[in-house]
Amino acid sequence: AKSLIEAASSWQTWVMFLCYMFSFGVELIVNGNIVTYFVETFHMPPSKASTIGSVFGLLNICMRSLGGFWSDMYNVKFGITGRLWALFQQTSIMGICLIIFSGLTKDNSNDGGLLLSLIFW
């Protein structure tokens, strides 16, 4: 119990909690709303929208592992500072891709563009 209290009282724990909340929380919100978004914004039939939307969720199988590998490589080369840089880079890339994705419309993208945007995000 003492170690739990010690960890919970550390500001570093709360920074990591917020990072995880912002990344995984956004991911859960997107997963829950992406089909509706495709149907309403891109006028897709629900079957097509759900197929494209499922790609986003299924990518977590490999992308989370890739992010961990990236962090491990930075840790070997730069120590714990490397892990922080990997987190910063991954979060920045995710944010940029989310901004790009949110600007896509039926007029300026096609299905391939949507899939590519989802894969990089």
N, C-alpha and C. Protein backbone atom coordinates (compact mmCIF):
# COMPACT_ATOMS: atom_id res chain seq x y z
N ALA A 1 0.83 -1.19 0.00
CA ALA A 1 0.00 0.00 0.00
C ALA A 1 0.87 1.25 0.00
N LYS A 2 2.01 1.18 0.66
CA LYS A 2 2.89 2.34 0.74
C LYS A 2 3.42 2.73 -0.65
N SER A 3 3.80 1.71 -1.46
CA SER A 3 4.32 2.00 -2.79
C SER A 3 3.23 2.58 -3.70
N LEU A 4 1.99 2.15 -3.52
CA LEU A 4 0.88 2.69 -4.30
C LEU A 4 0.67 4.16 -3.97
N ILE A 5 0.69 4.49 -2.71
CA ILE A 5 0.53 5.88 -2.28
C ILE A 5 1.69 6.73 -2.79
N GLU A 6 2.89 6.16 -2.72
CA GLU A 6 4.06 6.88 -3.21
C GLU A 6 3.95 7.15 -4.71
N ALA A 7 3.53 6.15 -5.47
CA ALA A 7 3.38 6.33 -6.92
C ALA A 7 2.27 7.32 -7.24
N ALA A 8 1.16 7.25 -6.52
CA ALA A 8 0.03 8.13 -6.77
C ALA A 8 0.33 9.58 -6.39
N SER A 9 1.29 9.79 -5.52
CA SER A 9 1.62 11.15 -5.12
C SER A 9 2.71 11.77 -5.98
N SER A 10 3.23 11.01 -6.95
CA SER A 10 4.29 11.52 -7.83
C SER A 10 3.68 12.24 -9.03
N TRP A 11 4.20 13.41 -9.34
CA TRP A 11 3.68 14.17 -10.47
C TRP A 11 3.96 13.45 -11.79
N GLN A 12 5.06 12.68 -11.85
CA GLN A 12 5.37 11.95 -13.07
C GLN A 12 4.29 10.92 -13.40
N THR A 13 3.74 10.29 -12.36
CA THR A 13 2.66 9.33 -12.57
C THR A 13 1.47 10.01 -13.21
N TRP A 14 1.14 11.21 -12.76
CA TRP A 14 -0.03 11.91 -13.28
C TRP A 14 0.21 12.43 -14.70
N VAL A 15 1.44 12.80 -15.02
CA VAL A 15 1.75 13.20 -16.39
C VAL A 15 1.55 12.01 -17.34
N MET A 16 2.05 10.85 -16.94
CA MET A 16 1.88 9.66 -17.77
C MET A 16 0.40 9.27 -17.86
N PHE A 17 -0.33 9.43 -16.77
CA PHE A 17 -1.76 9.15 -16.78
C PHE A 17 -2.47 10.04 -17.80
N LEU A 18 -2.13 11.33 -17.80
CA LEU A 18 -2.76 12.26 -18.74
C LEU A 18 -2.39 11.92 -20.19
N CYS A 19 -1.13 11.58 -20.43
CA CYS A 19 -0.71 11.19 -21.78
C CYS A 19 -1.51 9.98 -22.25
N TYR A 20 -1.64 8.99 -21.40
CA TYR A 20 -2.38 7.79 -21.77
C TYR A 20 -3.85 8.10 -21.97
N MET A 21 -4.39 8.94 -21.09
CA MET A 21 -5.80 9.30 -21.20
C MET A 21 -6.07 10.03 -22.52
N PHE A 22 -5.19 10.96 -22.88
CA PHE A 22 -5.41 11.72 -24.11
C PHE A 22 -5.24 10.84 -25.35
N SER A 23 -4.30 9.92 -25.35
CA SER A 23 -4.11 9.10 -26.53
C SER A 23 -5.16 7.99 -26.61
N PHE A 24 -5.30 7.21 -25.57
CA PHE A 24 -6.24 6.09 -25.60
C PHE A 24 -7.68 6.59 -25.52
N GLY A 25 -7.91 7.67 -24.79
CA GLY A 25 -9.26 8.23 -24.69
C GLY A 25 -9.77 8.73 -26.04
N VAL A 26 -8.90 9.44 -26.76
CA VAL A 26 -9.28 9.91 -28.10
C VAL A 26 -9.54 8.71 -29.01
N GLU A 27 -8.70 7.72 -28.89
CA GLU A 27 -8.86 6.52 -29.72
C GLU A 27 -10.22 5.85 -29.47
N LEU A 28 -10.60 5.73 -28.21
CA LEU A 28 -11.89 5.11 -27.89
C LEU A 28 -13.06 5.93 -28.43
N ILE A 29 -12.96 7.25 -28.32
CA ILE A 29 -14.02 8.12 -28.84
C ILE A 29 -14.13 7.98 -30.35
N VAL A 30 -12.98 7.97 -31.02
CA VAL A 30 -13.00 7.82 -32.48
C VAL A 30 -13.57 6.46 -32.86
N ASN A 31 -13.12 5.39 -32.19
CA ASN A 31 -13.64 4.06 -32.50
C ASN A 31 -15.16 4.01 -32.36
N GLY A 32 -15.69 4.68 -31.36
CA GLY A 32 -17.13 4.66 -31.13
C GLY A 32 -17.93 5.50 -32.11
N ASN A 33 -17.29 6.46 -32.76
CA ASN A 33 -18.04 7.40 -33.61
C ASN A 33 -17.63 7.39 -35.08
N ILE A 34 -16.63 6.61 -35.42
CA ILE A 34 -16.07 6.72 -36.78
C ILE A 34 -17.06 6.28 -37.86
N VAL A 35 -17.85 5.26 -37.59
CA VAL A 35 -18.81 4.79 -38.61
C VAL A 35 -19.86 5.87 -38.86
N THR A 36 -20.41 6.44 -37.82
CA THR A 36 -21.39 7.52 -37.96
C THR A 36 -20.78 8.70 -38.70
N TYR A 37 -19.53 9.02 -38.37
CA TYR A 37 -18.82 10.13 -39.03
C TYR A 37 -18.70 9.87 -40.53
N PHE A 38 -18.32 8.66 -40.91
CA PHE A 38 -18.20 8.34 -42.33
C PHE A 38 -19.55 8.37 -43.04
N VAL A 39 -20.57 7.88 -42.38
CA VAL A 39 -21.91 7.86 -42.99
C VAL A 39 -22.41 9.29 -43.19
N GLU A 40 -22.26 10.14 -42.18
CA GLU A 40 -22.79 11.50 -42.26
C GLU A 40 -21.92 12.44 -43.09
N THR A 41 -20.60 12.34 -42.96
CA THR A 41 -19.69 13.27 -43.64
C THR A 41 -19.40 12.85 -45.08
N PHE A 42 -19.21 11.56 -45.29
CA PHE A 42 -18.83 11.07 -46.61
C PHE A 42 -19.96 10.36 -47.34
N HIS A 43 -21.15 10.32 -46.71
CA HIS A 43 -22.34 9.71 -47.31
C HIS A 43 -22.08 8.28 -47.77
N MET A 44 -21.37 7.52 -46.94
CA MET A 44 -21.09 6.12 -47.25
C MET A 44 -22.23 5.25 -46.74
N PRO A 45 -22.44 4.12 -47.39
CA PRO A 45 -23.38 3.16 -46.80
C PRO A 45 -22.76 2.61 -45.51
N PRO A 46 -23.57 2.28 -44.52
CA PRO A 46 -23.04 1.81 -43.24
C PRO A 46 -22.10 0.61 -43.36
N SER A 47 -22.35 -0.29 -44.30
CA SER A 47 -21.48 -1.47 -44.44
C SER A 47 -20.07 -1.05 -44.86
N LYS A 48 -19.97 -0.13 -45.78
CA LYS A 48 -18.66 0.34 -46.23
C LYS A 48 -17.98 1.17 -45.13
N ALA A 49 -18.76 2.01 -44.46
CA ALA A 49 -18.21 2.83 -43.39
C ALA A 49 -17.68 1.97 -42.25
N SER A 50 -18.39 0.91 -41.92
CA SER A 50 -17.93 0.04 -40.83
C SER A 50 -16.69 -0.75 -41.23
N THR A 51 -16.59 -1.12 -42.50
CA THR A 51 -15.40 -1.83 -42.96
C THR A 51 -14.17 -0.93 -42.88
N ILE A 52 -14.29 0.30 -43.38
CA ILE A 52 -13.16 1.23 -43.32
C ILE A 52 -12.88 1.61 -41.87
N GLY A 53 -13.91 1.83 -41.08
CA GLY A 53 -13.72 2.18 -39.67
C GLY A 53 -13.06 1.07 -38.87
N SER A 54 -13.32 -0.17 -39.23
CA SER A 54 -12.71 -1.28 -38.49
C SER A 54 -11.20 -1.32 -38.68
N VAL A 55 -10.71 -0.80 -39.79
CA VAL A 55 -9.26 -0.75 -40.02
C VAL A 55 -8.58 0.03 -38.90
N PHE A 56 -9.20 1.12 -38.50
CA PHE A 56 -8.62 1.95 -37.44
C PHE A 56 -8.47 1.16 -36.15
N GLY A 57 -9.51 0.44 -35.76
CA GLY A 57 -9.44 -0.36 -34.54
C GLY A 57 -8.48 -1.52 -34.65
N LEU A 58 -8.46 -2.17 -35.79
CA LEU A 58 -7.60 -3.34 -35.98
C LEU A 58 -6.12 -2.98 -36.05
N LEU A 59 -5.83 -1.76 -36.46
CA LEU A 59 -4.42 -1.34 -36.52
C LEU A 59 -3.76 -1.31 -35.14
N ASN A 60 -4.56 -1.24 -34.09
CA ASN A 60 -3.99 -1.22 -32.74
C ASN A 60 -3.20 -2.49 -32.44
N ILE A 61 -3.56 -3.57 -33.10
CA ILE A 61 -2.87 -4.84 -32.85
C ILE A 61 -1.38 -4.69 -33.12
N CYS A 62 -1.03 -4.03 -34.23
CA CYS A 62 0.40 -3.89 -34.55
C CYS A 62 0.97 -2.54 -34.15
N MET A 63 0.19 -1.48 -34.20
CA MET A 63 0.74 -0.15 -33.95
C MET A 63 1.14 0.08 -32.49
N ARG A 64 0.42 -0.47 -31.56
CA ARG A 64 0.82 -0.33 -30.15
C ARG A 64 2.15 -1.03 -29.91
N SER A 65 2.34 -2.18 -30.52
CA SER A 65 3.61 -2.88 -30.39
C SER A 65 4.74 -2.10 -31.06
N LEU A 66 4.45 -1.51 -32.22
CA LEU A 66 5.45 -0.72 -32.91
C LEU A 66 5.86 0.50 -32.09
N GLY A 67 4.89 1.14 -31.44
CA GLY A 67 5.20 2.28 -30.57
C GLY A 67 6.06 1.87 -29.40
N GLY A 68 5.80 0.71 -28.82
CA GLY A 68 6.62 0.19 -27.73
C GLY A 68 8.03 -0.13 -28.19
N PHE A 69 8.14 -0.70 -29.40
CA PHE A 69 9.45 -1.01 -29.97
C PHE A 69 10.24 0.27 -30.20
N TRP A 70 9.57 1.30 -30.74
CA TRP A 70 10.19 2.60 -30.97
C TRP A 70 10.72 3.16 -29.65
N SER A 71 9.90 3.10 -28.62
CA SER A 71 10.31 3.58 -27.30
C SER A 71 11.49 2.78 -26.75
N ASP A 72 11.47 1.47 -26.94
CA ASP A 72 12.58 0.63 -26.47
C ASP A 72 13.87 0.97 -27.19
N MET A 73 13.79 1.22 -28.50
CA MET A 73 15.00 1.58 -29.25
C MET A 73 15.58 2.90 -28.75
N TYR A 74 14.71 3.86 -28.50
CA TYR A 74 15.18 5.15 -27.98
C TYR A 74 15.75 4.99 -26.57
N ASN A 75 15.17 4.09 -25.78
CA ASN A 75 15.67 3.86 -24.43
C ASN A 75 17.07 3.28 -24.47
N VAL A 76 17.33 2.34 -25.37
CA VAL A 76 18.66 1.74 -25.49
C VAL A 76 19.69 2.80 -25.88
N LYS A 77 19.30 3.67 -26.80
CA LYS A 77 20.24 4.66 -27.31
C LYS A 77 20.41 5.89 -26.40
N PHE A 78 19.30 6.36 -25.80
CA PHE A 78 19.33 7.63 -25.05
C PHE A 78 18.92 7.52 -23.59
N GLY A 79 18.56 6.32 -23.14
CA GLY A 79 18.10 6.18 -21.76
C GLY A 79 16.66 6.64 -21.61
N ILE A 80 16.28 6.96 -20.39
CA ILE A 80 14.89 7.35 -20.12
C ILE A 80 14.50 8.62 -20.87
N THR A 81 15.47 9.49 -21.14
CA THR A 81 15.19 10.69 -21.94
C THR A 81 14.72 10.29 -23.34
N GLY A 82 15.28 9.20 -23.85
CA GLY A 82 14.85 8.70 -25.16
C GLY A 82 13.40 8.27 -25.15
N ARG A 83 12.97 7.64 -24.07
CA ARG A 83 11.55 7.25 -23.97
C ARG A 83 10.65 8.48 -23.99
N LEU A 84 11.08 9.53 -23.31
CA LEU A 84 10.28 10.76 -23.31
C LEU A 84 10.22 11.37 -24.71
N TRP A 85 11.34 11.34 -25.43
CA TRP A 85 11.34 11.86 -26.80
C TRP A 85 10.46 11.00 -27.71
N ALA A 86 10.49 9.71 -27.54
CA ALA A 86 9.64 8.82 -28.34
C ALA A 86 8.16 9.13 -28.05
N LEU A 87 7.81 9.32 -26.79
CA LEU A 87 6.44 9.67 -26.42
C LEU A 87 6.04 11.00 -27.05
N PHE A 88 6.93 11.99 -26.96
CA PHE A 88 6.65 13.30 -27.54
C PHE A 88 6.46 13.20 -29.06
N GLN A 89 7.35 12.49 -29.73
CA GLN A 89 7.25 12.35 -31.19
C GLN A 89 5.99 11.61 -31.60
N GLN A 90 5.69 10.52 -30.92
CA GLN A 90 4.51 9.73 -31.26
C GLN A 90 3.23 10.53 -31.03
N THR A 91 3.18 11.26 -29.92
CA THR A 91 2.00 12.07 -29.61
C THR A 91 1.84 13.20 -30.62
N SER A 92 2.95 13.82 -30.99
CA SER A 92 2.90 14.91 -31.98
C SER A 92 2.42 14.40 -33.33
N ILE A 93 2.96 13.27 -33.76
CA ILE A 93 2.55 12.70 -35.04
C ILE A 93 1.07 12.34 -35.01
N MET A 94 0.62 11.75 -33.91
CA MET A 94 -0.78 11.39 -33.79
C MET A 94 -1.67 12.64 -33.87
N GLY A 95 -1.26 13.71 -33.21
CA GLY A 95 -2.03 14.95 -33.25
C GLY A 95 -2.10 15.56 -34.63
N ILE A 96 -0.97 15.58 -35.33
CA ILE A 96 -0.93 16.12 -36.69
C ILE A 96 -1.82 15.30 -37.61
N CYS A 97 -1.73 13.99 -37.49
CA CYS A 97 -2.57 13.11 -38.33
C CYS A 97 -4.05 13.29 -38.01
N LEU A 98 -4.39 13.50 -36.75
CA LEU A 98 -5.79 13.73 -36.38
C LEU A 98 -6.29 15.04 -36.98
N ILE A 99 -5.46 16.06 -36.97
CA ILE A 99 -5.85 17.34 -37.57
C ILE A 99 -6.06 17.18 -39.07
N ILE A 100 -5.14 16.47 -39.73
CA ILE A 100 -5.28 16.22 -41.17
C ILE A 100 -6.56 15.43 -41.45
N PHE A 101 -6.79 14.37 -40.66
CA PHE A 101 -7.98 13.54 -40.85
C PHE A 101 -9.26 14.36 -40.67
N SER A 102 -9.27 15.25 -39.69
CA SER A 102 -10.48 16.02 -39.44
C SER A 102 -10.78 17.01 -40.57
N GLY A 103 -9.78 17.32 -41.40
CA GLY A 103 -10.00 18.23 -42.51
C GLY A 103 -10.43 17.54 -43.80
N LEU A 104 -10.46 16.21 -43.79
CA LEU A 104 -10.88 15.49 -44.99
C LEU A 104 -12.38 15.59 -45.19
N THR A 105 -12.78 15.80 -46.42
CA THR A 105 -14.20 15.83 -46.77
C THR A 105 -14.42 14.97 -48.00
N LYS A 106 -15.66 14.83 -48.36
CA LYS A 106 -16.00 14.06 -49.57
C LYS A 106 -15.38 14.71 -50.81
N ASP A 107 -15.25 16.03 -50.79
CA ASP A 107 -14.74 16.76 -51.95
C ASP A 107 -13.22 16.67 -52.10
N ASN A 108 -12.49 16.52 -51.00
CA ASN A 108 -11.03 16.56 -51.10
C ASN A 108 -10.33 15.24 -50.80
N SER A 109 -11.08 14.13 -50.73
CA SER A 109 -10.45 12.84 -50.48
C SER A 109 -11.29 11.71 -51.07
N ASN A 110 -10.67 10.55 -51.15
CA ASN A 110 -11.39 9.35 -51.59
C ASN A 110 -11.18 8.26 -50.55
N ASP A 111 -11.66 7.06 -50.81
CA ASP A 111 -11.55 5.97 -49.83
C ASP A 111 -10.09 5.66 -49.51
N GLY A 112 -9.24 5.69 -50.53
CA GLY A 112 -7.82 5.42 -50.31
C GLY A 112 -7.19 6.46 -49.41
N GLY A 113 -7.56 7.72 -49.59
CA GLY A 113 -7.05 8.79 -48.73
C GLY A 113 -7.49 8.61 -47.29
N LEU A 114 -8.73 8.19 -47.10
CA LEU A 114 -9.23 7.93 -45.75
C LEU A 114 -8.44 6.80 -45.09
N LEU A 115 -8.26 5.71 -45.83
CA LEU A 115 -7.52 4.57 -45.28
C LEU A 115 -6.08 4.95 -44.96
N LEU A 116 -5.44 5.69 -45.85
CA LEU A 116 -4.06 6.11 -45.62
C LEU A 116 -3.97 7.00 -44.39
N SER A 117 -4.91 7.91 -44.26
CA SER A 117 -4.93 8.80 -43.10
C SER A 117 -5.14 8.00 -41.81
N LEU A 118 -6.02 7.02 -41.83
CA LEU A 118 -6.25 6.19 -40.65
C LEU A 118 -5.03 5.36 -40.30
N ILE A 119 -4.35 4.86 -41.31
CA ILE A 119 -3.16 4.02 -41.04
C ILE A 119 -2.06 4.85 -40.40
N PHE A 120 -1.82 6.07 -40.90
CA PHE A 120 -0.76 6.89 -40.31
C PHE A 120 -1.15 7.44 -38.96
N TRP A 121 -2.44 7.62 -38.74
CA TRP A 121 -2.88 8.13 -37.46
C TRP A 121 -2.76 7.02 -36.47
